[in-house]
Structure formats: structure tokens, C-alpha cells
Protein backbone atom coordinates (compact mmCIF):
# COMPACT_ATOMS: atom_id res chain seq x y z
CA MET A 1 2.85 14.78 -7.48
CA ARG A 2 2.00 15.70 -11.07
CA PRO A 3 1.05 19.40 -11.23
CA GLU A 4 -2.10 18.45 -13.13
CA SER A 5 -3.12 15.97 -10.42
CA LEU A 6 -2.49 18.52 -7.67
CA ALA A 7 -4.62 21.09 -9.50
CA PHE A 8 -7.41 18.51 -9.82
CA LEU A 9 -7.13 17.67 -6.12
CA LYS A 10 -7.45 21.35 -5.15
CA ARG A 11 -10.56 21.78 -7.31
CA LEU A 12 -12.06 18.70 -5.73
CA LEU A 13 -11.38 19.83 -2.16
CA ASP A 14 -12.57 23.39 -2.69
CA THR A 15 -15.95 22.38 -4.14
CA PRO A 16 -18.63 22.16 -1.40
CA GLY A 17 -20.43 18.84 -1.17
CA PRO A 18 -21.75 17.64 2.21
CA SER A 19 -23.47 14.28 2.57
CA ALA A 20 -26.53 13.92 0.29
CA PHE A 21 -25.44 17.08 -1.59
CA GLU A 22 -22.28 15.80 -3.32
CA ALA A 23 -23.33 16.60 -6.89
CA ALA A 24 -20.91 19.51 -7.48
CA PRO A 25 -17.65 17.77 -6.46
CA ALA A 26 -18.90 14.60 -8.14
CA ARG A 27 -19.12 16.51 -11.44
CA VAL A 28 -15.53 17.66 -10.98
CA TRP A 29 -14.52 14.03 -10.34
CA ARG A 30 -16.36 12.68 -13.39
CA ASP A 31 -14.92 15.37 -15.67
CA GLU A 32 -11.42 14.22 -14.68
CA ALA A 33 -12.40 10.55 -14.89
CA ARG A 34 -13.46 10.96 -18.53
CA THR A 35 -9.82 11.71 -19.41
CA ILE A 36 -8.78 8.36 -17.91
CA ALA A 37 -11.46 5.66 -17.99
CA ASP A 38 -13.23 3.64 -20.66
CA THR A 39 -16.65 4.38 -19.14
CA VAL A 40 -17.90 6.90 -16.58
CA ASP A 41 -21.35 6.98 -14.98
CA VAL A 42 -23.44 8.14 -12.01
CA ASP A 43 -26.43 6.57 -10.25
CA ILE A 44 -29.59 7.78 -8.55
CA THR A 45 -27.87 7.85 -5.13
CA GLY A 46 -25.15 10.22 -6.36
CA ASN A 47 -22.39 7.60 -6.60
CA SER A 48 -19.97 8.13 -9.49
CA TRP A 49 -17.74 5.51 -11.07
CA ALA A 50 -15.08 5.17 -13.75
CA ALA A 51 -14.19 1.77 -15.22
CA LEU A 52 -11.38 0.14 -17.13
CA GLY A 53 -12.44 -2.87 -19.15
CA GLY A 54 -10.88 -6.21 -18.36
CA GLY A 55 -11.59 -9.75 -17.35
CA ALA A 56 -12.08 -11.39 -13.99
CA PRO A 57 -12.30 -10.57 -11.19
CA ARG A 58 -14.13 -7.28 -10.91
CA ILE A 59 -12.24 -4.97 -8.54
CA MET A 60 -13.79 -1.87 -6.98
CA LEU A 61 -11.59 0.91 -5.58
CA ALA A 62 -13.80 3.06 -3.34
CA GLY A 63 -13.42 6.48 -1.74
CA HIS A 64 -16.35 8.52 -0.48
CA MET A 65 -17.03 11.90 -2.02
CA ASP A 66 -19.05 13.59 0.72
CA GLU A 67 -17.91 15.78 3.60
CA ILE A 68 -19.41 16.92 6.89
CA GLY A 69 -21.44 20.12 6.78
CA VAL A 70 -24.47 21.98 8.11
CA MET A 71 -28.13 22.35 7.16
CA VAL A 72 -30.48 25.30 7.72
CA SER A 73 -33.28 24.19 10.06
CA HIS A 74 -35.12 27.42 10.96
CA VAL A 75 -35.26 31.13 10.14
CA ASP A 76 -36.41 33.54 12.84
CA ASP A 77 -38.27 36.84 12.40
CA GLU A 78 -35.01 38.84 12.31
CA GLY A 79 -33.48 36.65 9.58
CA PHE A 80 -31.07 34.63 11.74
CA LEU A 81 -30.68 30.97 10.77
CA SER A 82 -30.68 27.97 13.08
CA PHE A 83 -28.78 24.98 11.77
CA GLU A 84 -28.17 21.27 12.26
CA PRO A 85 -24.94 19.35 11.68
CA ILE A 86 -24.51 17.02 8.72
CA GLY A 87 -22.20 14.33 10.07
CA GLY A 88 -20.11 14.24 13.21
CA TRP A 89 -18.99 17.65 14.50
CA ASP A 90 -17.30 18.97 17.60
CA SER A 91 -19.63 21.91 18.22
CA GLN A 92 -16.68 24.02 19.46
CA VAL A 93 -15.32 24.09 15.91
CA PHE A 94 -18.25 26.22 14.73
CA VAL A 95 -17.55 29.20 17.00
CA GLY A 96 -16.37 32.22 15.01
CA GLN A 97 -16.37 30.40 11.66
CA ARG A 98 -17.51 31.60 8.27
CA ILE A 99 -20.05 29.52 6.37
CA VAL A 100 -20.86 29.01 2.70
CA LEU A 101 -24.47 27.94 2.18
CA MET A 102 -25.58 26.31 -1.05
CA GLY A 103 -28.54 28.63 -1.64
CA ARG A 104 -31.29 28.54 -4.24
CA ASP A 105 -29.45 30.95 -6.57
CA GLY A 106 -25.87 30.04 -5.66
CA ALA A 107 -23.49 30.47 -2.76
CA VAL A 108 -24.63 32.51 0.25
CA ASP A 109 -21.98 33.70 2.71
CA GLY A 110 -22.65 33.65 6.43
CA VAL A 111 -20.93 33.77 9.80
CA VAL A 112 -21.62 31.70 12.90
CA GLY A 113 -22.88 33.99 15.64
CA LYS A 114 -22.45 33.65 19.41
CA LYS A 115 -22.88 36.03 22.32
CA ALA A 116 -19.64 37.98 22.89
CA ILE A 117 -17.62 36.98 25.94
CA HIS A 118 -17.81 40.55 27.29
CA ILE A 119 -21.55 40.29 27.95
CA MET A 120 -21.59 36.72 29.24
CA ASP A 121 -22.16 35.89 32.88
CA LYS A 122 -19.28 34.05 34.58
CA ASP A 123 -21.04 30.68 34.46
CA GLU A 124 -21.84 31.16 30.77
CA ARG A 125 -18.16 31.65 29.94
CA GLU A 126 -17.32 28.25 31.36
CA LYS A 127 -19.95 26.36 29.37
CA ILE A 128 -19.27 24.47 26.16
CA SER A 129 -20.96 26.04 23.15
CA ARG A 130 -23.76 23.87 21.86
CA ILE A 131 -25.09 24.05 18.32
CA GLU A 132 -28.50 25.13 19.61
CA ASP A 133 -26.81 28.17 21.20
CA LEU A 134 -25.32 29.30 17.88
CA TRP A 135 -26.81 30.74 14.73
CA ILE A 136 -25.84 31.74 11.19
CA ASP A 137 -25.99 35.42 10.21
CA ILE A 138 -26.22 36.06 6.44
CA GLY A 139 -26.77 39.80 6.84
CA ALA A 140 -30.53 39.59 6.33
CA ALA A 141 -32.74 42.19 8.05
CA SER A 142 -35.88 40.03 8.16
CA ARG A 143 -37.17 36.49 7.78
CA ALA A 144 -38.63 37.32 4.39
CA GLU A 145 -35.31 38.65 3.13
CA ALA A 146 -33.47 35.57 4.37
CA LEU A 147 -36.00 33.24 2.77
CA GLY A 148 -35.51 35.06 -0.51
CA ARG A 149 -31.93 33.77 -0.53
CA ILE A 150 -32.11 30.42 1.24
CA ARG A 151 -34.62 27.65 2.02
CA ILE A 152 -35.03 25.36 4.99
CA GLY A 153 -32.83 22.34 4.30
CA ASP A 154 -30.18 24.22 2.35
CA PRO A 155 -26.77 22.68 3.11
CA GLY A 156 -23.49 24.42 3.71
CA VAL A 157 -19.85 23.97 4.68
CA LEU A 158 -17.32 25.94 6.67
CA ALA A 159 -15.60 28.47 4.43
CA SER A 160 -11.98 27.47 3.89
CA LYS A 161 -9.66 27.03 0.93
CA VAL A 162 -6.82 24.62 0.23
CA LEU A 163 -3.43 25.68 1.60
CA GLU A 164 -0.05 24.19 0.71
CA PHE A 165 2.27 23.92 3.71
CA PRO A 166 5.99 23.13 3.84
CA ASN A 167 7.20 19.53 3.71
CA GLY A 168 4.55 18.53 1.20
CA ARG A 169 1.57 19.01 3.53
CA LEU A 170 -1.85 19.99 2.29
CA VAL A 171 -4.49 21.67 4.50
CA SER A 172 -8.20 21.83 3.71
CA ARG A 173 -11.70 20.98 4.81
CA SER A 174 -13.25 17.92 3.06
CA ILE A 175 -9.99 15.94 3.16
CA ASP A 176 -12.17 13.37 4.94
CA ASN A 177 -12.68 11.82 2.56
CA ARG A 178 -12.53 13.51 -0.80
CA ILE A 179 -8.90 12.47 -0.94
CA GLY A 180 -10.14 8.87 -1.00
CA SER A 181 -12.01 9.56 -4.23
CA PHE A 182 -8.89 11.33 -5.52
CA VAL A 183 -6.57 8.42 -4.67
CA VAL A 184 -8.71 5.76 -6.35
CA LEU A 185 -8.89 7.83 -9.53
CA GLU A 186 -5.12 8.39 -9.47
CA ALA A 187 -4.66 4.61 -9.12
CA LEU A 188 -6.92 4.16 -12.15
CA ARG A 189 -4.83 6.74 -14.03
CA THR A 190 -1.71 4.67 -13.37
CA LEU A 191 -3.45 1.47 -14.51
CA ALA A 192 -4.75 3.10 -17.70
CA ALA A 193 -1.38 4.55 -18.67
CA ALA A 194 0.53 1.29 -19.07
CA GLU A 195 0.36 -2.39 -18.24
CA ARG A 196 -3.36 -2.64 -17.75
CA PRO A 197 -4.34 -5.33 -15.24
CA ALA A 198 -6.03 -8.57 -16.21
CA ALA A 199 -8.91 -7.71 -13.88
CA ALA A 200 -11.66 -5.21 -14.61
CA VAL A 201 -11.04 -2.24 -12.28
CA THR A 202 -13.60 0.41 -11.34
CA ALA A 203 -12.82 3.51 -9.28
CA VAL A 204 -15.86 4.81 -7.42
CA ALA A 205 -16.69 8.00 -5.51
CA THR A 206 -19.46 7.06 -3.11
CA SER A 207 -22.05 9.28 -1.45
CA ARG A 208 -23.44 9.74 2.07
CA GLU A 209 -20.68 7.97 4.03
CA GLU A 210 -20.68 10.57 6.82
CA ILE A 211 -24.35 9.80 7.56
CA SER A 212 -24.24 6.13 6.58
CA ALA A 213 -26.23 4.40 9.32
CA ASN A 214 -27.85 2.37 6.53
CA GLY A 215 -24.72 1.83 4.42
CA GLY A 216 -24.77 5.12 2.53
CA GLY A 217 -24.28 5.05 -1.21
CA ALA A 218 -21.60 2.38 -1.00
CA ARG A 219 -24.03 -0.45 -0.33
CA SER A 220 -26.31 0.25 -3.30
CA LEU A 221 -23.39 0.78 -5.68
CA THR A 222 -21.70 -2.44 -4.57
CA THR A 223 -24.95 -4.30 -5.22
CA HIS A 224 -25.10 -2.72 -8.68
CA LEU A 225 -21.47 -3.32 -9.72
CA GLU A 226 -21.13 -6.74 -8.00
CA PRO A 227 -17.36 -6.63 -7.47
CA ALA A 228 -15.57 -9.70 -6.18
CA VAL A 229 -12.88 -7.53 -4.58
CA ALA A 230 -13.08 -4.06 -3.03
CA ILE A 231 -10.37 -1.82 -1.61
CA VAL A 232 -11.75 1.10 0.39
CA VAL A 233 -9.62 4.23 0.74
CA ASP A 234 -10.37 6.52 3.67
CA VAL A 235 -8.49 8.55 6.28
CA THR A 236 -7.36 7.55 9.73
CA HIS A 237 -6.27 9.70 12.67
CA ALA A 238 -2.65 10.75 12.50
CA THR A 239 -1.17 10.47 15.99
CA ASP A 240 2.01 12.48 15.43
CA TYR A 241 1.03 15.64 17.29
CA PRO A 242 1.09 16.65 20.98
CA GLY A 243 -1.12 14.98 23.54
CA ILE A 244 -1.87 11.70 21.73
CA GLU A 245 -1.33 8.45 23.63
CA LYS A 246 0.06 6.07 21.03
CA ARG A 247 -0.44 3.03 23.26
CA ARG A 248 -4.16 3.71 23.00
CA HIS A 249 -4.48 5.21 19.52
CA GLY A 250 -1.58 3.70 17.55
CA ASP A 251 1.36 5.33 15.77
CA TYR A 252 0.38 6.81 12.40
CA ARG A 253 2.41 9.65 10.93
CA LEU A 254 2.13 12.10 8.07
CA GLY A 255 4.63 10.92 5.49
CA GLY A 256 4.61 7.39 6.94
CA GLY A 257 2.71 5.90 4.01
CA PRO A 258 -0.68 4.18 3.87
CA VAL A 259 -2.23 2.41 6.86
CA LEU A 260 -3.64 -1.10 6.32
CA SER A 261 -6.49 -2.20 8.57
CA ARG A 262 -6.76 -5.68 10.05
CA GLY A 263 -9.87 -7.10 11.65
CA ALA A 264 -13.47 -6.03 11.17
CA SER A 265 -14.76 -6.08 7.58
CA VAL A 266 -11.28 -6.86 6.22
CA ASN A 267 -10.58 -10.02 4.22
CA SER A 268 -7.39 -11.56 5.61
CA ALA A 269 -6.12 -12.82 2.26
CA LEU A 270 -6.57 -9.40 0.65
CA PHE A 271 -4.79 -7.76 3.59
CA ASP A 272 -1.87 -10.17 3.10
CA LEU A 273 -1.78 -9.39 -0.62
CA LEU A 274 -1.68 -5.63 0.05
CA ALA A 275 1.06 -5.98 2.69
CA ALA A 276 3.16 -8.21 0.42
CA THR A 277 2.66 -5.80 -2.50
CA ALA A 278 3.78 -2.83 -0.39
CA GLU A 279 6.90 -4.68 0.71
CA GLN A 280 7.72 -5.72 -2.86
CA GLU A 281 7.18 -2.17 -4.17
CA GLY A 282 9.20 -0.57 -1.35
CA ILE A 283 6.14 1.31 -0.03
CA GLN A 284 6.31 2.16 3.67
CA PHE A 285 3.10 1.29 5.54
CA ALA A 286 1.62 0.86 9.00
CA ILE A 287 -1.04 -1.51 10.33
CA GLU A 288 -4.16 -0.48 12.26
CA ALA A 289 -6.18 -2.89 14.39
CA ALA A 290 -9.96 -2.84 13.86
CA GLY A 291 -11.39 -5.34 16.31
CA ARG A 292 -15.02 -4.24 16.07
CA ASP A 293 -15.60 -1.97 13.06
CA THR A 294 -13.71 0.49 10.87
CA HIS A 295 -16.29 3.34 10.75
CA THR A 296 -15.86 3.44 6.95
CA ASP A 297 -17.62 2.23 3.80
CA ALA A 298 -15.93 -1.15 4.34
CA GLU A 299 -18.82 -2.10 6.64
CA ALA A 300 -21.35 -1.43 3.87
CA ILE A 301 -19.35 -3.28 1.21
CA PHE A 302 -17.92 -6.48 2.65
CA ASN A 303 -21.30 -8.14 3.27
CA ALA A 304 -23.12 -6.77 0.20
CA HIS A 305 -24.82 -9.20 -2.24
CA ARG A 306 -22.92 -12.55 -1.94
CA GLY A 307 -20.05 -11.06 0.04
CA VAL A 308 -17.02 -9.07 -1.16
CA ALA A 309 -13.34 -9.59 -0.35
CA THR A 310 -12.77 -6.16 1.18
CA ALA A 311 -9.75 -4.28 2.49
CA LEU A 312 -9.30 -0.82 3.98
CA VAL A 313 -6.31 1.39 3.17
CA SER A 314 -6.19 4.70 5.04
CA VAL A 315 -4.24 7.94 4.76
CA PRO A 316 -3.07 9.56 8.05
CA ASN A 317 -4.99 12.78 8.62
CA ARG A 318 -4.42 15.41 11.31
CA TYR A 319 -7.29 17.46 12.84
CA MET A 320 -10.09 15.35 11.37
CA HIS A 321 -13.57 16.86 11.07
CA SER A 322 -12.31 20.41 11.14
CA PRO A 323 -11.88 23.10 8.45
CA ASN A 324 -8.11 22.54 8.60
CA GLU A 325 -7.44 18.84 8.13
CA MET A 326 -3.87 18.04 7.09
CA VAL A 327 -2.31 15.26 5.02
CA ALA A 328 1.02 14.61 3.32
CA LEU A 329 0.98 14.52 -0.48
CA SER A 330 3.51 11.68 -0.43
CA ASP A 331 0.98 9.51 1.43
CA LEU A 332 -1.58 10.09 -1.32
CA GLU A 333 0.93 9.13 -3.98
CA GLN A 334 2.08 6.03 -2.13
CA THR A 335 -1.48 4.89 -1.50
CA ALA A 336 -2.38 5.25 -5.18
CA ALA A 337 0.78 3.37 -6.16
CA LEU A 338 -0.08 0.55 -3.75
CA LEU A 339 -3.60 0.21 -5.15
CA ALA A 340 -2.37 0.09 -8.74
CA ALA A 341 0.32 -2.48 -7.95
CA ALA A 342 -2.14 -4.65 -6.01
CA CYS A 343 -4.67 -4.59 -8.85
CA ARG A 344 -2.00 -5.88 -11.24
CA ARG A 345 -1.30 -8.82 -8.88
CA ILE A 346 -4.94 -9.91 -8.69
CA THR A 347 -6.04 -12.43 -11.31
CA ALA A 348 -8.97 -14.76 -11.88
CA THR A 349 -7.14 -17.47 -9.90
CA THR A 350 -6.41 -15.34 -6.81
CA ASP A 351 -8.11 -17.05 -3.86
CA PHE A 352 -9.60 -14.81 -1.16
CA VAL A 353 -11.47 -17.52 0.73
CA PRO A 354 -10.14 -17.86 4.29
CA ARG A 355 -8.83 -21.43 4.58
């Protein structure tokens, strides 16, 4: 990976931005996009996009910008904070973690508190920790002091920084799915550098996917941009670690290349084009069955306005929804290369109607 791209990726991952509060990482994304695209913009929902001019059709490459997080819900008389999850958490992950809250005057450090095991009764030790049994301690001595630094509704994330591991692995929180927004912009970088496609291509970093019961930001942005074709980039569960039953969960490995979904929300002709492009370009890939839904922005996009030919390309990700998610840099590069090559193959005459 280009050193400059890796440095950009690290900035993107390290910048806190849970669902509905993605503005800071979105600014980092747009700053980089301005070095690549013909036009860059942002909408009222917090979606950002970067476009290359061209003809038909309009292609949208989409990765969501938000991450899971927490929100302050109550402050007690002693200054301890109750909190709610933003997005889907395993409550056990919170125990013993450090927190960075996005306070009124900047970052506020905190720790997740829990009764020490030494003073628990036997039955308490065997219980799963629930979020309502935990709290955040920011070192305040009173409610008034705490409220001088934070407000109810302030968001936060678990405190962790990007780590580079051997064998080209990257570890961080927010990999789900800030790497999707990174990949689509890297694909746009490739398209802008040489041999621009005939189609008009727009890379987008959508908002609110982790809380997207109503389609998140992806639905409104798709309605605004009206693409004919959309390729969503997200993460999928890597199954290359102990205890995973591949017969049930599939076989997806770090370093195994992108994963192409088939089934729900996926246009069959676009899937075939992506698979054929990967084979032609020598890009290793796997296929994931999605019989009901994909749990990604694809659901919000494929049936927007008059319907969009939509595909889902995923990056294998270990330890999803934790502060230490792990991906292989080679998978990011291969996914971006696949997107760029596919965009060059799509023309105004490409037929995506199932026949």
C-alpha cells in the first residue's frame, strides 16, 4: 500500500465518529477526496461524496463512515455517567475499557467502571455484565463538575489506536466500516490517475449505517445522486480463527481477497460482472450467500428511487464490533483494484436487467 494511503487510513480510523456523529472523520475523508475528485460535497444527513465527471451510467461506490459507540444518558449526584450503546455491542466488551467522550469543549477521557470481583457475591461473579450495571468514570467529584465537561447525549468511542501487526495486518476500532469509505476513495484515486472510465463515478461515505433501521444516510443520498449502479463496500466476518464452524458461517480469510455477496439486495448481472472482472484481473475472491438480507447499506440502496443495480463487496474482518478489529491490507488493496476495474468495464450499454 502507498505510504500516503496508509497514513490517510490511520487518520481516518483514529478519528472518533459514531453513528449520527460522523462529522470529524468525514472532514478527514473530504480533505483527502479534494486531492482526487472533480467535485466534493456533503449533505444535511452527514453523507460525503467525491465525484469524477463522465457519461452514463452513474455509478456509486459506497462505504459507511460511522462506527459503533456510546452515548451519555444520565449523570448521578457523584458525577458517574450512565450510558447507552450506539449500534450493536456485546456488553462484555465494555468491561475494563477506556472511553473517549466527545465533550462540549473537546475530548473527555473516561473509564468503564464495574464492581471489583473481590467484593462480589458468588452468584454475581457468574452473571454476564449488562450495560445498566456499568458506568463511566471521568474523575468528576460531583454532578455539577461532570456537567461542566459533558452533556446528556454526548457520544463517545472506546479508546484505542491503530496498530500495525506482522503479515500486513491492521488492528483498530472503527474498521467496521470506515475501511469501506477508504476503499471506495482509493478506487476513485485509481480511476482519476489514468484511463478514466466512460461512466460517471462517485465515491460516497455514508452516515448512520450502524443504526439504520430506516435506511440510514445511504437511502437519502441514493435518492439525491440517482445512480443506476451501486457497489457497496463493507466488512464480513472472517472465519479463520479458532472455534468457527465454516459449514455454518462460510470460509473467509484475511488475505483471501474480497468477498462477493449473492442473493438479497444483489443484482445478479452486476455480481457476474464483478466475478468476471476479478478473474480477468487475477484477483482472488470468495462468495458469500445472502438468502435473506446482507445487514449493510445494500438494503437501503437497491430499492431506492426507481431501483438501483446493487452489489456488495466485503472485506474479511476479525473480531467485529470490538476495539481490536483486524483486517489484511492486501484485502483493502485488492478490493479497491476490483472496484476500479469493474467501473472501467461498465458502459452505457451494459445491461443489468435480469432476463
